[in-house]
Amino acid sequence: NLSALLIECALPNELVELADASHHLTPLGLQKELLKFNRKECSVYVINIKPMYREAIVRQIAELGIENLQILEIGQVYEW
């Protein structure tokens, strides 16, 4: 019973080759990985966004329309 998933998305879709070579995800890669989970009640928290690509990655993730997804903020303390 998975209730939350913290998953990284470090690079924008335009850098898919670099993401693959460095074992990081792009927004499209994130979407592909999430399809592997039965996440009806599972919240998704996105971490490890590279600051220089943050704006593009946030926009690309938003365009995917993934439900129950939150992008965690740098410097914010989270408690579960």
Foldseek 3Di string as FASTA:
>chain_A
DAQEEEAEAAAAPVPVVVCVVVVHHHLVRVVVVCVVDPPPNYAYEYDNHHVVCVVRRVVSNVVVVDPNYDYDDPPDDDDD
